[in-house]
Protein backbone atom coordinates (compact mmCIF):
# COMPACT_ATOMS: atom_id res chain seq x y z
CA MET A 1 -18.05 -17.98 6.02
CA ALA A 2 -16.31 -19.88 3.23
CA LYS A 3 -12.60 -19.51 2.64
CA ILE A 4 -10.45 -20.19 -0.40
CA LYS A 5 -6.68 -20.66 -0.30
CA VAL A 6 -4.48 -21.28 -3.35
CA GLU A 7 -1.08 -22.97 -3.20
CA GLU A 8 1.31 -23.55 -6.10
CA GLN A 9 2.58 -27.11 -6.39
CA ILE A 10 5.04 -28.72 -8.77
CA GLY A 11 3.17 -28.96 -12.05
CA GLY A 12 -0.07 -27.56 -10.75
CA VAL A 13 -2.11 -25.71 -8.18
CA VAL A 14 -3.97 -26.83 -5.05
CA VAL A 15 -7.10 -24.93 -4.08
CA TYR A 16 -8.20 -25.46 -0.48
CA LEU A 17 -11.88 -24.82 0.16
CA LYS A 18 -13.51 -24.41 3.55
CA GLY A 19 -17.15 -23.86 4.57
CA ASP A 20 -20.43 -23.70 2.65
CA PHE A 21 -20.64 -22.75 -1.04
CA ILE A 22 -24.28 -21.83 -1.53
CA GLY A 23 -24.40 -19.32 -4.37
CA GLY A 24 -23.47 -16.11 -2.53
CA GLU A 25 -20.22 -14.12 -2.39
CA GLU A 26 -18.22 -17.24 -1.53
CA THR A 27 -19.33 -18.90 -4.78
CA ASP A 28 -18.51 -15.73 -6.76
CA GLU A 29 -15.05 -15.77 -5.18
CA LEU A 30 -14.68 -19.45 -6.12
CA ARG A 31 -15.72 -18.65 -9.70
CA ASP A 32 -13.19 -15.79 -9.95
CA THR A 33 -10.39 -17.87 -8.42
CA LEU A 34 -10.97 -20.87 -10.70
CA LYS A 35 -11.39 -18.65 -13.78
CA LYS A 36 -8.05 -16.97 -13.08
CA LEU A 37 -6.36 -20.35 -12.52
CA ALA A 38 -7.98 -21.90 -15.61
CA GLU A 39 -6.66 -19.05 -17.76
CA GLY A 40 -3.21 -19.22 -16.15
CA PRO A 41 -0.15 -21.22 -17.24
CA LYS A 42 -0.76 -24.24 -14.95
CA ASN A 43 -3.47 -26.53 -16.24
CA LYS A 44 -3.55 -29.09 -13.44
CA ILE A 45 -5.74 -28.04 -10.53
CA ILE A 46 -6.52 -30.05 -7.41
CA ILE A 47 -9.42 -28.88 -5.28
CA ASP A 48 -9.08 -30.05 -1.69
CA MET A 49 -12.61 -30.20 -0.30
CA GLY A 50 -11.78 -31.69 3.10
CA LYS A 51 -13.33 -28.74 4.92
CA VAL A 52 -16.33 -28.13 2.64
CA THR A 53 -19.56 -28.67 4.55
CA TYR A 54 -22.07 -27.94 1.78
CA LEU A 55 -22.23 -27.25 -1.96
CA ASN A 56 -25.33 -26.23 -3.88
CA SER A 57 -26.09 -26.40 -7.60
CA THR A 58 -24.58 -22.95 -8.22
CA ALA A 59 -21.25 -24.08 -6.77
CA LEU A 60 -21.40 -27.31 -8.80
CA GLY A 61 -21.98 -25.17 -11.91
CA VAL A 62 -18.86 -23.15 -11.09
CA LEU A 63 -16.81 -26.37 -10.83
CA ILE A 64 -18.22 -27.73 -14.11
CA SER A 65 -17.54 -24.45 -15.92
CA ALA A 66 -13.94 -24.37 -14.64
CA HIS A 67 -13.51 -28.01 -15.68
CA ALA A 68 -14.68 -27.20 -19.23
CA THR A 69 -12.22 -24.28 -19.51
CA VAL A 70 -9.28 -26.30 -18.18
CA ALA A 71 -10.12 -29.40 -20.27
CA LYS A 72 -10.10 -27.28 -23.46
CA LYS A 73 -6.47 -26.47 -22.69
CA GLY A 74 -5.64 -30.14 -22.15
CA GLY A 75 -5.63 -29.85 -18.38
CA MET A 76 -7.68 -31.34 -15.60
CA ILE A 77 -9.34 -30.55 -12.31
CA ALA A 78 -9.20 -33.26 -9.66
CA LEU A 79 -11.07 -33.27 -6.35
CA CYS A 80 -9.89 -34.79 -3.10
CA ASP A 81 -10.88 -35.43 0.50
CA LEU A 82 -14.65 -35.11 -0.03
CA ASP A 83 -16.99 -35.36 2.94
CA LYS A 84 -19.45 -38.27 2.52
CA SER A 85 -22.46 -36.00 1.93
CA VAL A 86 -20.55 -33.90 -0.61
CA GLU A 87 -19.27 -37.05 -2.33
CA ASN A 88 -22.84 -38.37 -2.53
CA LEU A 89 -23.81 -35.18 -4.35
CA PHE A 90 -21.15 -35.93 -7.01
CA VAL A 91 -22.32 -39.55 -7.27
CA ILE A 92 -26.02 -38.64 -7.62
CA THR A 93 -25.30 -35.97 -10.25
CA LYS A 94 -22.93 -38.36 -12.09
CA LEU A 95 -20.14 -35.79 -11.75
CA THR A 96 -17.85 -38.61 -10.63
CA LEU A 97 -17.66 -39.30 -14.39
CA VAL A 98 -16.39 -35.75 -14.98
CA PHE A 99 -14.02 -35.19 -12.06
CA PRO A 100 -11.38 -37.62 -10.86
CA ILE A 101 -11.94 -37.90 -7.09
CA TYR A 102 -9.17 -38.98 -4.72
CA PRO A 103 -9.35 -39.96 -1.05
CA ASN A 104 -6.63 -37.48 -0.06
CA LEU A 105 -4.28 -34.78 -1.34
CA GLU A 106 -1.26 -37.11 -1.59
CA GLU A 107 -3.13 -39.46 -3.97
CA ALA A 108 -4.35 -36.51 -6.05
CA ILE A 109 -0.83 -35.06 -6.35
CA LYS A 110 0.56 -38.47 -7.39
CA SER A 111 -2.06 -38.65 -10.14
CA LEU A 112 -0.83 -35.43 -11.73
């Protein structure tokens, strides 16, 4: 089962994801979490995907939608610590042009 943990950081928020996001309850929870964060006062969000094993198109749609909401407010969503297969998904779908992707959380935090 997928898990989502949110941690406040200086100037932003880190969202830790774990498990598979395949369009069920876990993806609904991700949508609700990101929507709440996107509408909140902090507009810099880092999504740590180090423990994500699989994402499907529904989950990608949730990320893109959150990105659009945050970008409208002048913010950004960055991704970090992607598994090779998950990173390939972002490369194939050209989402590497939408999301800044960092090798680890430290690099992502520095970028904010």
